[in-house]
Amino acid sequence: MGSSLTAAGLLADIVGVAFIGFAFLRSDARNLLEQAQTKWDYSPEVLSALCEQKTDNIIGVGFLFVGFVLQLFAAFGWDLSGFSDTVIFAAILFAFIAAIVARRKLIQRFEAQAKSLAPPRDQK
C-alpha cells in the first residue's frame, strides 16, 4: 500500500505543478501585449490575468499539499488498507475535475473582490 500512496502523492504533485505552471504558460503574445498597454484606469486584462494566476496557484498548492501528505503517509509506513488504491486515485481524479469546474467561479469571485476595492470612475 505504501508504494500506491507514493504514486498517488506524486500524481497529486504533478497535477499541482501543472496548475501552477499553466498559470504562467497560458499567456500568449497577444495577451501579453494587451496586458502591457497603458490604461488610464486599472487594466482589465491584467486584473483578469492576475486573478487567473491566483486561482491556479491556490489550486496547485492545494494539490501539492495533498501530494506531500500522501507521500509522508507512505514514508512513515502508515497503512490505509481501509481504502483501496482505486478509491485513492478516484479521489484525486474527482478533486481534479472539481478544481476544473470551480476554477471559473473562483476567478470571477477574485475579480469581483478586486473591482470592489477600486474607486468609482467619477471619484477620480
N, C-alpha and C. Protein backbone atom coordinates (compact mmCIF):
# COMPACT_ATOMS: atom_id res chain seq x y z
N MET A 1 0.82 -1.19 0.00
CA MET A 1 0.00 0.00 0.00
C MET A 1 0.86 1.26 0.00
N GLY A 2 2.05 1.18 0.59
CA GLY A 2 2.93 2.35 0.64
C GLY A 2 3.32 2.86 -0.73
N SER A 3 3.61 1.94 -1.66
CA SER A 3 4.01 2.39 -2.98
C SER A 3 2.84 3.03 -3.73
N SER A 4 1.62 2.55 -3.48
CA SER A 4 0.48 3.18 -4.15
C SER A 4 0.20 4.56 -3.55
N LEU A 5 0.45 4.74 -2.25
CA LEU A 5 0.33 6.07 -1.66
C LEU A 5 1.37 7.02 -2.23
N THR A 6 2.58 6.51 -2.42
CA THR A 6 3.63 7.32 -3.02
C THR A 6 3.24 7.72 -4.43
N ALA A 7 2.72 6.76 -5.19
CA ALA A 7 2.30 7.06 -6.57
C ALA A 7 1.14 8.05 -6.58
N ALA A 8 0.20 7.90 -5.68
CA ALA A 8 -0.92 8.85 -5.61
C ALA A 8 -0.41 10.23 -5.21
N GLY A 9 0.52 10.27 -4.29
CA GLY A 9 1.11 11.56 -3.89
C GLY A 9 1.84 12.23 -5.03
N LEU A 10 2.59 11.44 -5.79
CA LEU A 10 3.28 12.00 -6.95
C LEU A 10 2.30 12.49 -8.00
N LEU A 11 1.20 11.75 -8.20
CA LEU A 11 0.18 12.18 -9.14
C LEU A 11 -0.44 13.50 -8.71
N ALA A 12 -0.74 13.64 -7.44
CA ALA A 12 -1.29 14.90 -6.93
C ALA A 12 -0.27 16.03 -7.10
N ASP A 13 1.00 15.74 -6.87
CA ASP A 13 2.04 16.76 -7.06
C ASP A 13 2.14 17.19 -8.52
N ILE A 14 2.04 16.24 -9.43
CA ILE A 14 2.10 16.56 -10.86
C ILE A 14 0.93 17.45 -11.25
N VAL A 15 -0.26 17.12 -10.75
CA VAL A 15 -1.44 17.96 -11.05
C VAL A 15 -1.22 19.36 -10.47
N GLY A 16 -0.71 19.46 -9.25
CA GLY A 16 -0.46 20.75 -8.64
C GLY A 16 0.55 21.59 -9.40
N VAL A 17 1.63 20.96 -9.82
CA VAL A 17 2.65 21.67 -10.59
C VAL A 17 2.09 22.10 -11.95
N ALA A 18 1.24 21.27 -12.54
CA ALA A 18 0.62 21.64 -13.82
C ALA A 18 -0.25 22.88 -13.66
N PHE A 19 -1.05 22.94 -12.60
CA PHE A 19 -1.86 24.14 -12.38
C PHE A 19 -0.98 25.37 -12.20
N ILE A 20 0.06 25.25 -11.40
CA ILE A 20 0.94 26.39 -11.15
C ILE A 20 1.67 26.79 -12.43
N GLY A 21 2.16 25.82 -13.17
CA GLY A 21 2.88 26.12 -14.41
C GLY A 21 2.00 26.73 -15.47
N PHE A 22 0.81 26.19 -15.64
CA PHE A 22 -0.10 26.71 -16.67
C PHE A 22 -0.58 28.10 -16.33
N ALA A 23 -0.53 28.49 -15.08
CA ALA A 23 -0.91 29.85 -14.70
C ALA A 23 -0.04 30.86 -15.43
N PHE A 24 1.19 30.50 -15.69
CA PHE A 24 2.11 31.42 -16.36
C PHE A 24 2.31 31.09 -17.83
N LEU A 25 2.20 29.83 -18.19
CA LEU A 25 2.45 29.43 -19.57
C LEU A 25 1.27 29.69 -20.50
N ARG A 26 0.09 29.94 -19.93
CA ARG A 26 -1.11 30.11 -20.73
C ARG A 26 -1.10 31.41 -21.53
N SER A 27 -0.37 32.42 -21.10
CA SER A 27 -0.36 33.71 -21.77
C SER A 27 0.38 33.62 -23.10
N ASP A 28 -0.33 34.00 -24.16
CA ASP A 28 0.33 34.05 -25.47
C ASP A 28 0.75 35.50 -25.74
N ALA A 29 1.37 35.74 -26.88
CA ALA A 29 1.91 37.06 -27.20
C ALA A 29 0.82 38.12 -27.24
N ARG A 30 -0.35 37.78 -27.76
CA ARG A 30 -1.45 38.76 -27.85
C ARG A 30 -1.91 39.17 -26.45
N ASN A 31 -2.06 38.19 -25.55
CA ASN A 31 -2.46 38.52 -24.18
C ASN A 31 -1.42 39.38 -23.48
N LEU A 32 -0.16 39.07 -23.69
CA LEU A 32 0.91 39.85 -23.06
C LEU A 32 0.91 41.28 -23.60
N LEU A 33 0.66 41.46 -24.89
CA LEU A 33 0.61 42.79 -25.47
C LEU A 33 -0.57 43.59 -24.90
N GLU A 34 -1.73 42.95 -24.75
CA GLU A 34 -2.89 43.62 -24.16
C GLU A 34 -2.59 44.03 -22.72
N GLN A 35 -1.91 43.18 -21.99
CA GLN A 35 -1.59 43.48 -20.60
C GLN A 35 -0.54 44.58 -20.48
N ALA A 36 0.32 44.72 -21.48
CA ALA A 36 1.40 45.70 -21.41
C ALA A 36 0.96 47.11 -21.81
N GLN A 37 -0.23 47.24 -22.37
CA GLN A 37 -0.70 48.56 -22.80
C GLN A 37 -1.00 49.44 -21.59
N THR A 38 -0.76 50.73 -21.78
CA THR A 38 -1.05 51.68 -20.71
C THR A 38 -2.54 52.01 -20.71
N LYS A 39 -3.09 52.10 -19.53
CA LYS A 39 -4.52 52.40 -19.37
C LYS A 39 -4.65 53.61 -18.46
N TRP A 40 -5.72 54.34 -18.63
CA TRP A 40 -5.99 55.47 -17.75
C TRP A 40 -6.37 54.98 -16.36
N ASP A 41 -7.12 53.90 -16.33
CA ASP A 41 -7.56 53.29 -15.08
C ASP A 41 -6.81 51.95 -14.96
N TYR A 42 -7.22 51.10 -14.06
CA TYR A 42 -6.58 49.78 -13.98
C TYR A 42 -6.88 49.00 -15.26
N SER A 43 -6.01 48.09 -15.59
CA SER A 43 -6.16 47.31 -16.82
C SER A 43 -7.00 46.06 -16.55
N PRO A 44 -8.15 45.93 -17.21
CA PRO A 44 -8.97 44.74 -17.01
C PRO A 44 -8.26 43.46 -17.44
N GLU A 45 -7.41 43.57 -18.45
CA GLU A 45 -6.67 42.40 -18.91
C GLU A 45 -5.69 41.91 -17.85
N VAL A 46 -4.99 42.86 -17.25
CA VAL A 46 -4.03 42.49 -16.20
C VAL A 46 -4.76 41.94 -14.98
N LEU A 47 -5.87 42.58 -14.61
CA LEU A 47 -6.66 42.10 -13.48
C LEU A 47 -7.14 40.67 -13.71
N SER A 48 -7.64 40.42 -14.90
CA SER A 48 -8.12 39.07 -15.23
C SER A 48 -6.98 38.05 -15.17
N ALA A 49 -5.83 38.43 -15.75
CA ALA A 49 -4.69 37.51 -15.75
C ALA A 49 -4.20 37.23 -14.33
N LEU A 50 -4.17 38.26 -13.49
CA LEU A 50 -3.71 38.07 -12.12
C LEU A 50 -4.69 37.21 -11.32
N CYS A 51 -5.99 37.39 -11.57
CA CYS A 51 -6.98 36.55 -10.88
C CYS A 51 -6.88 35.10 -11.33
N GLU A 52 -6.61 34.88 -12.62
CA GLU A 52 -6.41 33.51 -13.11
C GLU A 52 -5.18 32.89 -12.48
N GLN A 53 -4.09 33.66 -12.40
CA GLN A 53 -2.87 33.15 -11.79
C GLN A 53 -3.09 32.83 -10.31
N LYS A 54 -3.79 33.71 -9.61
CA LYS A 54 -4.04 33.46 -8.19
C LYS A 54 -4.86 32.19 -8.01
N THR A 55 -5.90 32.02 -8.81
CA THR A 55 -6.74 30.83 -8.72
C THR A 55 -5.94 29.57 -9.02
N ASP A 56 -5.19 29.59 -10.10
CA ASP A 56 -4.40 28.41 -10.47
C ASP A 56 -3.35 28.09 -9.41
N ASN A 57 -2.76 29.12 -8.83
CA ASN A 57 -1.76 28.88 -7.78
C ASN A 57 -2.39 28.31 -6.52
N ILE A 58 -3.55 28.79 -6.13
CA ILE A 58 -4.23 28.25 -4.95
C ILE A 58 -4.57 26.78 -5.16
N ILE A 59 -5.13 26.47 -6.32
CA ILE A 59 -5.47 25.07 -6.62
C ILE A 59 -4.21 24.22 -6.68
N GLY A 60 -3.18 24.73 -7.33
CA GLY A 60 -1.93 23.98 -7.45
C GLY A 60 -1.28 23.69 -6.11
N VAL A 61 -1.24 24.69 -5.24
CA VAL A 61 -0.65 24.50 -3.91
C VAL A 61 -1.47 23.49 -3.11
N GLY A 62 -2.78 23.51 -3.28
CA GLY A 62 -3.62 22.52 -2.60
C GLY A 62 -3.29 21.10 -3.03
N PHE A 63 -3.12 20.90 -4.33
CA PHE A 63 -2.75 19.57 -4.81
C PHE A 63 -1.36 19.18 -4.36
N LEU A 64 -0.42 20.14 -4.34
CA LEU A 64 0.92 19.83 -3.85
C LEU A 64 0.89 19.41 -2.38
N PHE A 65 0.09 20.12 -1.59
CA PHE A 65 -0.02 19.78 -0.17
C PHE A 65 -0.56 18.35 0.00
N VAL A 66 -1.62 18.02 -0.72
CA VAL A 66 -2.19 16.67 -0.64
C VAL A 66 -1.16 15.63 -1.07
N GLY A 67 -0.44 15.94 -2.14
CA GLY A 67 0.58 15.01 -2.62
C GLY A 67 1.68 14.76 -1.60
N PHE A 68 2.15 15.83 -0.96
CA PHE A 68 3.19 15.67 0.04
C PHE A 68 2.68 14.90 1.26
N VAL A 69 1.45 15.14 1.65
CA VAL A 69 0.89 14.41 2.79
C VAL A 69 0.78 12.92 2.45
N LEU A 70 0.32 12.59 1.26
CA LEU A 70 0.23 11.17 0.87
C LEU A 70 1.60 10.51 0.85
N GLN A 71 2.60 11.23 0.35
CA GLN A 71 3.95 10.67 0.35
C GLN A 71 4.49 10.54 1.77
N LEU A 72 4.12 11.46 2.64
CA LEU A 72 4.54 11.37 4.04
C LEU A 72 3.91 10.14 4.70
N PHE A 73 2.63 9.89 4.42
CA PHE A 73 1.98 8.67 4.92
C PHE A 73 2.76 7.44 4.47
N ALA A 74 3.13 7.42 3.19
CA ALA A 74 3.85 6.26 2.66
C ALA A 74 5.24 6.13 3.29
N ALA A 75 5.91 7.26 3.50
CA ALA A 75 7.26 7.22 4.06
C ALA A 75 7.26 6.70 5.49
N PHE A 76 6.23 7.01 6.26
CA PHE A 76 6.14 6.53 7.63
C PHE A 76 5.52 5.15 7.72
N GLY A 77 5.16 4.60 6.58
CA GLY A 77 4.62 3.25 6.56
C GLY A 77 3.21 3.14 7.10
N TRP A 78 2.50 4.25 7.13
CA TRP A 78 1.13 4.20 7.61
C TRP A 78 0.27 3.41 6.65
N ASP A 79 -0.56 2.61 7.19
CA ASP A 79 -1.38 1.71 6.39
C ASP A 79 -2.79 2.29 6.24
N LEU A 80 -3.18 2.49 5.04
CA LEU A 80 -4.54 2.95 4.75
C LEU A 80 -5.29 1.82 4.05
N SER A 81 -5.18 0.62 4.63
CA SER A 81 -5.77 -0.55 4.00
C SER A 81 -7.29 -0.47 3.97
N GLY A 82 -7.88 0.44 4.74
CA GLY A 82 -9.32 0.62 4.68
C GLY A 82 -9.77 1.23 3.36
N PHE A 83 -8.83 1.83 2.64
CA PHE A 83 -9.12 2.42 1.34
C PHE A 83 -8.38 1.63 0.27
N SER A 84 -9.05 1.33 -0.79
CA SER A 84 -8.37 0.64 -1.89
C SER A 84 -7.60 1.67 -2.72
N ASP A 85 -6.68 1.17 -3.52
CA ASP A 85 -5.93 2.05 -4.41
C ASP A 85 -6.86 2.79 -5.36
N THR A 86 -7.88 2.11 -5.81
CA THR A 86 -8.83 2.71 -6.74
C THR A 86 -9.54 3.90 -6.11
N VAL A 87 -9.89 3.78 -4.84
CA VAL A 87 -10.59 4.87 -4.15
C VAL A 87 -9.66 6.08 -4.03
N ILE A 88 -8.40 5.86 -3.71
CA ILE A 88 -7.46 6.97 -3.56
C ILE A 88 -7.25 7.68 -4.89
N PHE A 89 -7.03 6.92 -5.97
CA PHE A 89 -6.83 7.54 -7.27
C PHE A 89 -8.11 8.19 -7.78
N ALA A 90 -9.27 7.59 -7.49
CA ALA A 90 -10.55 8.19 -7.87
C ALA A 90 -10.77 9.51 -7.13
N ALA A 91 -10.35 9.57 -5.88
CA ALA A 91 -10.49 10.81 -5.12
C ALA A 91 -9.64 11.93 -5.73
N ILE A 92 -8.43 11.59 -6.16
CA ILE A 92 -7.58 12.59 -6.80
C ILE A 92 -8.19 13.03 -8.13
N LEU A 93 -8.71 12.09 -8.89
CA LEU A 93 -9.37 12.42 -10.15
C LEU A 93 -10.60 13.30 -9.91
N PHE A 94 -11.39 12.96 -8.90
CA PHE A 94 -12.56 13.76 -8.56
C PHE A 94 -12.15 15.17 -8.15
N ALA A 95 -11.08 15.28 -7.35
CA ALA A 95 -10.60 16.60 -6.92
C ALA A 95 -10.12 17.41 -8.12
N PHE A 96 -9.48 16.76 -9.08
CA PHE A 96 -9.02 17.44 -10.30
C PHE A 96 -10.21 17.97 -11.10
N ILE A 97 -11.22 17.15 -11.29
CA ILE A 97 -12.42 17.57 -12.04
C ILE A 97 -13.13 18.70 -11.29
N ALA A 98 -13.23 18.58 -9.98
CA ALA A 98 -13.87 19.63 -9.18
C ALA A 98 -13.09 20.94 -9.28
N ALA A 99 -11.77 20.86 -9.31
CA ALA A 99 -10.95 22.07 -9.43
C ALA A 99 -11.16 22.73 -10.79
N ILE A 100 -11.27 21.93 -11.84
CA ILE A 100 -11.51 22.48 -13.18
C ILE A 100 -12.87 23.18 -13.21
N VAL A 101 -13.88 22.56 -12.61
CA VAL A 101 -15.23 23.12 -12.61
C VAL A 101 -15.28 24.40 -11.76
N ALA A 102 -14.62 24.40 -10.62
CA ALA A 102 -14.67 25.54 -9.70
C ALA A 102 -13.77 26.69 -10.13
N ARG A 103 -12.85 26.43 -11.03
CA ARG A 103 -11.85 27.43 -11.42
C ARG A 103 -12.49 28.73 -11.91
N ARG A 104 -13.43 28.65 -12.82
CA ARG A 104 -14.05 29.84 -13.40
C ARG A 104 -14.77 30.65 -12.32
N LYS A 105 -15.48 29.97 -11.42
CA LYS A 105 -16.19 30.67 -10.34
C LYS A 105 -15.21 31.40 -9.42
N LEU A 106 -14.10 30.75 -9.12
CA LEU A 106 -13.10 31.39 -8.26
C LEU A 106 -12.50 32.62 -8.93
N ILE A 107 -12.23 32.53 -10.23
CA ILE A 107 -11.68 33.68 -10.96
C ILE A 107 -12.67 34.83 -10.92
N GLN A 108 -13.94 34.54 -11.16
CA GLN A 108 -14.97 35.59 -11.13
C GLN A 108 -15.07 36.21 -9.73
N ARG A 109 -14.97 35.39 -8.72
CA ARG A 109 -15.04 35.90 -7.34
C ARG A 109 -13.87 36.82 -7.03
N PHE A 110 -12.66 36.42 -7.42
CA PHE A 110 -11.48 37.25 -7.16
C PHE A 110 -11.56 38.56 -7.94
N GLU A 111 -12.06 38.50 -9.20
CA GLU A 111 -12.20 39.73 -9.98
C GLU A 111 -13.21 40.67 -9.34
N ALA A 112 -14.32 40.13 -8.87
CA ALA A 112 -15.33 40.96 -8.22
C ALA A 112 -14.78 41.60 -6.94
N GLN A 113 -14.01 40.84 -6.17
CA GLN A 113 -13.41 41.39 -4.96
C GLN A 113 -12.45 42.52 -5.29
N ALA A 114 -11.63 42.32 -6.31
CA ALA A 114 -10.64 43.34 -6.68
C ALA A 114 -11.34 44.59 -7.23
N LYS A 115 -12.36 44.41 -8.04
CA LYS A 115 -13.07 45.56 -8.61
C LYS A 115 -13.82 46.34 -7.53
N SER A 116 -14.26 45.66 -6.48
CA SER A 116 -14.96 46.37 -5.41
C SER A 116 -14.02 47.28 -4.62
N LEU A 117 -12.73 47.03 -4.69
CA LEU A 117 -11.76 47.87 -3.99
C LEU A 117 -11.37 49.10 -4.79
N ALA A 118 -11.61 49.08 -6.09
CA ALA A 118 -11.25 50.23 -6.94
C ALA A 118 -12.27 51.35 -6.74
N PRO A 119 -11.80 52.58 -6.65
CA PRO A 119 -12.75 53.69 -6.50
C PRO A 119 -13.57 53.86 -7.78
N PRO A 120 -14.80 54.32 -7.65
CA PRO A 120 -15.61 54.56 -8.85
C PRO A 120 -14.95 55.56 -9.77
N ARG A 121 -15.23 55.44 -11.04
CA ARG A 121 -14.57 56.30 -12.03
C ARG A 121 -14.88 57.78 -11.83
N ASP A 122 -16.05 58.13 -11.33
CA ASP A 122 -16.39 59.54 -11.18
C ASP A 122 -15.73 60.19 -9.96
N GLN A 123 -15.10 59.40 -9.10
CA GLN A 123 -14.43 59.96 -7.92
C GLN A 123 -12.94 60.19 -8.14
N LYS A 124 -12.46 59.97 -9.32
CA LYS A 124 -11.02 60.12 -9.57
C LYS A 124 -10.68 61.53 -10.02
